[in-house]
C-alpha atoms as a PDB file:
ATOM      1  CA  UNK A   1     100.391  78.423 106.427  1.00  0.00           C
ATOM      2  CA  UNK A   2     102.112  80.187 104.205  1.00  0.00           C
ATOM      3  CA  UNK A   3     101.438  84.080 103.134  1.00  0.00           C
ATOM      4  CA  UNK A   4     102.543  85.374  99.621  1.00  0.00           C
ATOM      5  CA  UNK A   5     102.455  89.610  99.127  1.00  0.00           C
ATOM      6  CA  UNK A   6     103.863  90.161  96.192  1.00  0.00           C
ATOM      7  CA  UNK A   7     105.386  93.380  95.210  1.00  0.00           C
ATOM      8  CA  UNK A   8     104.671  93.692  91.361  1.00  0.00           C
ATOM      9  CA  UNK A   9     106.988  96.731  89.789  1.00  0.00           C
ATOM     10  CA  UNK A  10     105.713  97.310  86.285  1.00  0.00           C
ATOM     11  CA  UNK A  11     108.327  99.373  83.882  1.00  0.00           C
ATOM     12  CA  UNK A  12     106.224 101.781  80.746  1.00  0.00           C
ATOM     13  CA  UNK A  13     106.835 104.619  78.424  1.00  0.00           C
ATOM     14  CA  UNK A  14     109.650 105.505  80.800  1.00  0.00           C
ATOM     15  CA  UNK A  15     108.216 106.115  84.106  1.00  0.00           C
ATOM     16  CA  UNK A  16     107.740 102.750  86.604  1.00  0.00           C
ATOM     17  CA  UNK A  17     105.314 101.588  89.260  1.00  0.00           C
ATOM     18  CA  UNK A  18     104.962  99.627  92.208  1.00  0.00           C
ATOM     19  CA  UNK A  19     102.036  97.946  93.982  1.00  0.00           C
ATOM     20  CA  UNK A  20     102.688  97.602  96.930  1.00  0.00           C
ATOM     21  CA  UNK A  21     100.804  95.507  99.216  1.00  0.00           C
ATOM     22  CA  UNK A  22      97.457  96.415  99.603  1.00  0.00           C
ATOM     23  CA  UNK A  23      94.986  96.522  96.467  1.00  0.00           C
ATOM     24  CA  UNK A  24      95.515 100.956  96.803  1.00  0.00           C
ATOM     25  CA  UNK A  25      98.792 101.148  97.619  1.00  0.00           C
ATOM     26  CA  UNK A  26     100.853 101.640  93.728  1.00  0.00           C
ATOM     27  CA  UNK A  27     102.376 104.157  93.812  1.00  0.00           C
ATOM     28  CA  UNK A  28     103.567 106.382  90.611  1.00  0.00           C
ATOM     29  CA  UNK A  29     108.087 106.853  90.552  1.00  0.00           C
ATOM     30  CA  UNK A  30     107.220 109.844  87.900  1.00  0.00           C
ATOM     31  CA  UNK A  31     108.556 110.340  84.871  1.00  0.00           C
ATOM     32  CA  UNK A  32     112.305 111.755  87.370  1.00  0.00           C
ATOM     33  CA  UNK A  33     112.347 107.956  88.069  1.00  0.00           C
ATOM     34  CA  UNK A  34     115.814 105.713  87.016  1.00  0.00           C
ATOM     35  CA  UNK A  35     115.135 103.397  88.143  1.00  0.00           C
ATOM     36  CA  UNK A  36     116.841 100.618  85.244  1.00  0.00           C
ATOM     37  CA  UNK A  37     118.551  98.048  87.310  1.00  0.00           C
ATOM     38  CA  UNK A  38     116.766  95.812  90.049  1.00  0.00           C
ATOM     39  CA  UNK A  39     118.571  98.017  92.591  1.00  0.00           C
ATOM     40  CA  UNK A  40     117.654 101.442  91.892  1.00  0.00           C
ATOM     41  CA  UNK A  41     114.265 100.272  93.670  1.00  0.00           C
ATOM     42  CA  UNK A  42     114.295  98.902  97.534  1.00  0.00           C
ATOM     43  CA  UNK A  43     111.224  97.957  99.043  1.00  0.00           C
ATOM     44  CA  UNK A  44     109.913  96.767 102.418  1.00  0.00           C
ATOM     45  CA  UNK A  45     106.721  95.459 104.616  1.00  0.00           C
ATOM     46  CA  UNK A  46     104.657  94.976 106.533  1.00  0.00           C
ATOM     47  CA  UNK A  47     105.790  97.807 108.046  1.00  0.00           C
ATOM     48  CA  UNK A  48     104.319 101.140 110.892  1.00  0.00           C
ATOM     49  CA  UNK A  49     100.962 101.419 112.092  1.00  0.00           C
ATOM     50  CA  UNK A  50      98.706 100.900 108.805  1.00  0.00           C
ATOM     51  CA  UNK A  51     101.547  97.434 107.613  1.00  0.00           C
ATOM     52  CA  UNK A  52     101.885  99.291 104.639  1.00  0.00           C
ATOM     53  CA  UNK A  53     105.107  99.415 101.938  1.00  0.00           C
ATOM     54  CA  UNK A  54     107.490 101.939 101.772  1.00  0.00           C
ATOM     55  CA  UNK A  55     109.819 102.441  98.617  1.00  0.00           C
ATOM     56  CA  UNK A  56     113.385 104.235  98.008  1.00  0.00           C
ATOM     57  CA  UNK A  57     113.869 104.319  94.286  1.00  0.00           C
ATOM     58  CA  UNK A  58     116.480 106.363  92.731  1.00  0.00           C
ATOM     59  CA  UNK A  59     115.684 109.454  90.658  1.00  0.00           C
ATOM     60  CA  UNK A  60     117.272 111.764  87.965  1.00  0.00           C
ATOM     61  CA  UNK A  61     120.403 113.820  88.927  1.00  0.00           C
ATOM     62  CA  UNK A  62     121.210 111.076  91.708  1.00  0.00           C
ATOM     63  CA  UNK A  63     118.396 111.911  94.127  1.00  0.00           C
ATOM     64  CA  UNK A  64     116.268 109.972  95.060  1.00  0.00           C
ATOM     65  CA  UNK A  65     112.150 108.969  96.774  1.00  0.00           C
ATOM     66  CA  UNK A  66     110.941 107.591  99.441  1.00  0.00           C
ATOM     67  CA  UNK A  67     107.077 106.298  99.415  1.00  0.00           C
ATOM     68  CA  UNK A  68     105.081 105.156 102.764  1.00  0.00           C
ATOM     69  CA  UNK A  69     100.963 104.670 101.291  1.00  0.00           C
ATOM     70  CA  UNK A  70     100.220 108.169 101.999  1.00  0.00           C
ATOM     71  CA  UNK A  71     103.181 109.727 102.878  1.00  0.00           C
ATOM     72  CA  UNK A  72     103.419 112.693 102.720  1.00  0.00           C
ATOM     73  CA  UNK A  73     100.342 114.277 101.491  1.00  0.00           C
ATOM     74  CA  UNK A  74      97.406 112.247  99.348  1.00  0.00           C
ATOM     75  CA  UNK A  75      99.208 112.325  96.402  1.00  0.00           C
ATOM     76  CA  UNK A  76     101.758 110.159  97.499  1.00  0.00           C
ATOM     77  CA  UNK A  77     104.460 112.705  95.777  1.00  0.00           C
ATOM     78  CA  UNK A  78     107.202 110.735  99.065  1.00  0.00           C
ATOM     79  CA  UNK A  79     109.386 113.013  99.902  1.00  0.00           C
ATOM     80  CA  UNK A  80     113.758 112.205 101.223  1.00  0.00           C
ATOM     81  CA  UNK A  81     115.008 110.084 103.422  1.00  0.00           C
ATOM     82  CA  UNK A  82     115.611 112.295 105.654  1.00  0.00           C
ATOM     83  CA  UNK A  83     112.309 113.988 105.321  1.00  0.00           C
ATOM     84  CA  UNK A  84     110.887 110.607 106.885  1.00  0.00           C
ATOM     85  CA  UNK A  85     113.791 110.142 109.105  1.00  0.00           C
ATOM     86  CA  UNK A  86     112.224 113.867 110.913  1.00  0.00           C
ATOM     87  CA  UNK A  87     108.539 112.449 111.395  1.00  0.00           C
ATOM     88  CA  UNK A  88     110.023 108.904 112.253  1.00  0.00           C
ATOM     89  CA  UNK A  89     111.629 111.007 115.095  1.00  0.00           C
ATOM     90  CA  UNK A  90     108.793 112.604 117.177  1.00  0.00           C
ATOM     91  CA  UNK A  91     105.799 110.434 115.276  1.00  0.00           C
ATOM     92  CA  UNK A  92     103.653 109.218 118.482  1.00  0.00           C
ATOM     93  CA  UNK A  93     101.077 106.625 117.996  1.00  0.00           C
ATOM     94  CA  UNK A  94      97.878 106.960 119.477  1.00  0.00           C
ATOM     95  CA  UNK A  95      97.703 102.848 120.727  1.00  0.00           C
ATOM     96  CA  UNK A  96      99.711 103.650 123.634  1.00  0.00           C
ATOM     97  CA  UNK A  97     103.154 100.718 124.430  1.00  0.00           C
ATOM     98  CA  UNK A  98     103.699 100.603 120.216  1.00  0.00           C
ATOM     99  CA  UNK A  99     105.593 103.806 119.517  1.00  0.00           C
ATOM    100  CA  UNK A 100     108.955 102.238 119.868  1.00  0.00           C
ATOM    101  CA  UNK A 101     108.305  99.543 118.515  1.00  0.00           C
ATOM    102  CA  UNK A 102     107.078 100.799 115.003  1.00  0.00           C
ATOM    103  CA  UNK A 103     109.646 103.469 115.878  1.00  0.00           C
ATOM    104  CA  UNK A 104     112.182 100.886 115.461  1.00  0.00           C
ATOM    105  CA  UNK A 105     110.327  99.692 112.058  1.00  0.00           C
ATOM    106  CA  UNK A 106     110.640 102.397 110.112  1.00  0.00           C
ATOM    107  CA  UNK A 107     114.412 103.279 111.695  1.00  0.00           C
ATOM    108  CA  UNK A 108     115.419  99.588 109.940  1.00  0.00           C
ATOM    109  CA  UNK A 109     114.208 100.690 107.034  1.00  0.00           C
ATOM    110  CA  UNK A 110     115.766 104.487 107.252  1.00  0.00           C
ATOM    111  CA  UNK A 111     119.010 102.366 108.129  1.00  0.00           C
ATOM    112  CA  UNK A 112     119.629  99.733 105.281  1.00  0.00           C
ATOM    113  CA  UNK A 113     118.227 103.202 102.924  1.00  0.00           C
ATOM    114  CA  UNK A 114     120.525 105.216 103.561  1.00  0.00           C
ATOM    115  CA  UNK A 115     123.462 102.262 102.288  1.00  0.00           C
ATOM    116  CA  UNK A 116     121.784 101.757  99.175  1.00  0.00           C
ATOM    117  CA  UNK A 117     122.129 105.643  98.977  1.00  0.00           C
ATOM    118  CA  UNK A 118     125.759 105.513  99.280  1.00  0.00           C
ATOM    119  CA  UNK A 119     125.967 102.468  97.120  1.00  0.00           C
ATOM    120  CA  UNK A 120     124.271 104.621  94.205  1.00  0.00           C
ATOM    121  CA  UNK A 121     126.399 108.164  95.424  1.00  0.00           C
ATOM    122  CA  UNK A 122     129.349 105.547  94.824  1.00  0.00           C
ATOM    123  CA  UNK A 123     128.563 104.404  91.464  1.00  0.00           C
ATOM    124  CA  UNK A 124     127.503 107.852  90.403  1.00  0.00           C
ATOM    125  CA  UNK A 125     130.969 109.360  91.575  1.00  0.00           C
ATOM    126  CA  UNK A 126     133.144 105.493  89.402  1.00  0.00           C
ATOM    127  CA  UNK A 127     130.862 106.738  86.615  1.00  0.00           C
ATOM    128  CA  UNK A 128     129.277 103.893  87.033  1.00  0.00           C
ATOM    129  CA  UNK A 129     125.602 102.803  85.782  1.00  0.00           C
ATOM    130  CA  UNK A 130     123.337 100.001  85.944  1.00  0.00           C
ATOM    131  CA  UNK A 131     123.734  97.982  81.854  1.00  0.00           C
ATOM    132  CA  UNK A 132     120.111  96.679  82.377  1.00  0.00           C
ATOM    133  CA  UNK A 133     117.409  96.932  79.960  1.00  0.00           C
ATOM    134  CA  UNK A 134     113.646  97.658  80.977  1.00  0.00           C
ATOM    135  CA  UNK A 135     112.837  95.723  77.510  1.00  0.00           C
ATOM    136  CA  UNK A 136     113.884  92.265  79.365  1.00  0.00           C
ATOM    137  CA  UNK A 137     112.801  92.054  82.817  1.00  0.00           C
ATOM    138  CA  UNK A 138     114.852  88.773  83.338  1.00  0.00           C
ATOM    139  CA  UNK A 139     117.866  91.031  83.487  1.00  0.00           C
ATOM    140  CA  UNK A 140     116.435  92.693  86.397  1.00  0.00           C
ATOM    141  CA  UNK A 141     117.811  89.956  87.811  1.00  0.00           C
ATOM    142  CA  UNK A 142     114.329  88.340  88.640  1.00  0.00           C
END
């Protein structure tokens, strides 16, 4: 059995929108997003108790944002990787015996996301910026 679950990222008028695993999983990266290249965002899923996608993306000024389903609030504004890590460290899931599994999934994402953020910081320190144009999605390496 083969299951194809696309993650769609659309770029339009200065903002970026990602479509996750579920139809209701749509994230507007917002006006402060700095997604100009395929490596400017990272998405993994499904993970956790609700089988949601997790999205990390660059923001202007050297920052980042993490969005997980509806975390941290119903407006899906997201938060930082450190905020997510703090929640995961103490979270107890309702179903007996699954806390360790879900925590491990999120911790794996957090570790990978820290590598990506370090890459962004190194690029900024070297003065390197992605050269891809959002006018042509094929330049993003798809």
